[in-house]
Protein backbone atom coordinates (compact mmCIF):
# COMPACT_ATOMS: atom_id res chain seq x y z
CA UNK A 1 63.53 -44.56 48.84
CA UNK A 2 63.68 -46.90 51.70
CA UNK A 3 61.74 -45.94 55.05
CA UNK A 4 65.30 -45.45 56.95
CA UNK A 5 66.02 -42.67 54.26
CA UNK A 6 65.05 -38.93 55.89
CA UNK A 7 63.12 -37.84 52.47
CA UNK A 8 60.52 -40.37 51.05
CA UNK A 9 58.21 -39.87 47.76
CA UNK A 10 54.71 -41.06 47.86
CA UNK A 11 51.35 -40.49 46.04
CA UNK A 12 49.14 -38.60 47.04
CA UNK A 13 46.31 -41.16 46.19
CA UNK A 14 48.15 -44.00 48.47
CA UNK A 15 46.78 -43.54 52.03
CA UNK A 16 48.81 -42.47 54.76
CA UNK A 17 51.09 -44.44 56.63
CA UNK A 18 52.55 -44.27 60.32
CA UNK A 19 55.97 -43.39 58.83
CA UNK A 20 55.59 -40.69 56.52
CA UNK A 21 56.29 -37.92 59.12
CA UNK A 22 56.45 -34.59 57.84
CA UNK A 23 53.88 -34.74 54.58
CA UNK A 24 54.86 -32.06 52.14
CA UNK A 25 52.78 -31.53 48.66
CA UNK A 26 55.06 -30.74 45.99
CA UNK A 27 52.63 -30.19 42.92
CA UNK A 28 51.82 -26.75 41.80
CA UNK A 29 47.98 -27.36 42.19
CA UNK A 30 46.02 -29.55 44.50
CA UNK A 31 45.68 -32.79 43.66
CA UNK A 32 42.22 -33.34 42.00
CA UNK A 33 39.59 -35.44 44.02
CA UNK A 34 41.22 -35.38 47.33
CA UNK A 35 40.00 -33.97 50.29
CA UNK A 36 42.25 -32.45 52.41
CA UNK A 37 41.78 -34.86 55.19
CA UNK A 38 42.45 -37.33 53.12
CA UNK A 39 45.62 -35.91 51.54
CA UNK A 40 46.82 -35.52 55.27
CA UNK A 41 49.12 -32.75 54.06
CA UNK A 42 51.06 -31.05 56.33
CA UNK A 43 53.17 -28.46 54.21
CA UNK A 44 52.36 -27.05 50.75
CA UNK A 45 55.34 -25.89 48.76
CA UNK A 46 53.82 -25.06 45.93
CA UNK A 47 57.23 -22.81 44.89
CA UNK A 48 59.99 -25.65 44.54
CA UNK A 49 57.62 -27.09 41.52
CA UNK A 50 58.39 -26.40 38.15
CA UNK A 51 57.39 -22.82 36.98
CA UNK A 52 54.18 -22.93 35.03
CA UNK A 53 56.44 -22.69 31.63
CA UNK A 54 58.87 -24.93 31.94
CA UNK A 55 55.89 -27.55 33.03
CA UNK A 56 54.01 -26.54 29.78
CA UNK A 57 56.90 -26.77 27.48
CA UNK A 58 57.61 -30.06 28.84
CA UNK A 59 54.30 -31.91 28.79
CA UNK A 60 54.15 -30.38 24.80
CA UNK A 61 56.11 -33.51 24.14
CA UNK A 62 55.01 -36.88 25.53
CA UNK A 63 57.38 -39.26 24.09
CA UNK A 64 59.94 -38.27 26.53
CA UNK A 65 62.53 -36.59 24.16
CA UNK A 66 62.52 -33.52 26.07
CA UNK A 67 63.23 -35.18 29.56
CA UNK A 68 67.14 -34.22 29.48
CA UNK A 69 66.44 -30.95 28.74
CA UNK A 70 63.65 -30.85 31.65
CA UNK A 71 65.80 -32.22 34.33
CA UNK A 72 68.21 -29.27 33.11
CA UNK A 73 66.03 -26.94 33.03
CA UNK A 74 64.25 -28.04 36.67
CA UNK A 75 67.88 -27.92 38.44
CA UNK A 76 68.31 -24.49 37.12
CA UNK A 77 65.13 -23.11 38.54
CA UNK A 78 66.03 -24.67 41.60
CA UNK A 79 68.95 -22.61 42.12
CA UNK A 80 66.98 -19.77 41.33
CA UNK A 81 65.86 -17.55 44.09
CA UNK A 82 62.18 -17.79 43.59
CA UNK A 83 62.73 -21.47 44.45
CA UNK A 84 65.29 -21.08 47.11
CA UNK A 85 63.12 -20.33 49.97
CA UNK A 86 61.16 -23.08 49.44
CA UNK A 87 64.04 -25.32 48.75
CA UNK A 88 65.23 -23.80 52.15
CA UNK A 89 62.08 -24.64 53.95
CA UNK A 90 61.93 -28.28 52.76
CA UNK A 91 65.75 -28.71 53.96
CA UNK A 92 65.16 -27.28 57.05
CA UNK A 93 62.22 -29.85 57.75
CA UNK A 94 64.25 -32.67 57.19
CA UNK A 95 66.71 -31.33 59.11
CA UNK A 96 64.35 -31.19 62.10
CA UNK A 97 64.78 -34.82 62.27
CA UNK A 98 62.51 -35.88 59.49
CA UNK A 99 61.09 -38.48 58.13
CA UNK A 100 60.02 -35.91 55.25
CA UNK A 101 57.68 -37.73 52.72
CA UNK A 102 57.17 -35.83 49.46
CA UNK A 103 53.72 -36.15 48.26
CA UNK A 104 52.64 -35.85 44.72
CA UNK A 105 49.41 -36.67 42.14
CA UNK A 106 51.82 -37.49 39.22
CA UNK A 107 50.89 -40.82 37.39
CA UNK A 108 54.53 -41.87 36.67
CA UNK A 109 56.64 -40.17 39.77
CA UNK A 110 59.94 -41.31 37.92
CA UNK A 111 59.34 -39.53 35.19
CA UNK A 112 58.42 -36.29 36.37
CA UNK A 113 60.10 -33.52 38.45
CA UNK A 114 60.06 -35.26 41.97
CA UNK A 115 63.53 -37.43 41.45
CA UNK A 116 64.72 -34.53 40.44
CA UNK A 117 63.77 -32.55 43.11
CA UNK A 118 64.84 -35.07 45.62
CA UNK A 119 68.32 -35.17 44.14
CA UNK A 120 68.85 -31.76 44.17
CA UNK A 121 67.61 -31.76 48.06
CA UNK A 122 70.70 -34.48 48.12
CA UNK A 123 73.16 -32.26 46.58
CA UNK A 124 71.95 -29.03 49.09
CA UNK A 125 72.39 -31.23 51.73
CA UNK A 126 75.84 -32.31 51.23
CA UNK A 127 77.17 -28.99 50.57
CA UNK A 128 75.57 -27.13 53.82
């Protein structure tokens, strides 16, 4: 995403930047080897991540064959009550004036839950 968009994505291993705004960790587990000070996380939304079951299922096949099914299943999870509060909190942070930077430790951000989450946020914000 460009710097002018209210929601950005960065890896936790990259140093924080002045324009990050509110830094939101969107991983279920704390990033290995990163101190809380270095990560500079403002909010940690564990409940916005894919369920343990979905994440485990997706990572069982590293070929990428499950990606489309993962995307659909995660979208469904984002609409369920277990994720709703975290999604609403994230939308609230964006609406408070952003920018909001989603922080993740995944190596391949494009092939992770993060783009699905960003797309979901855009849709939720359009309809509310």
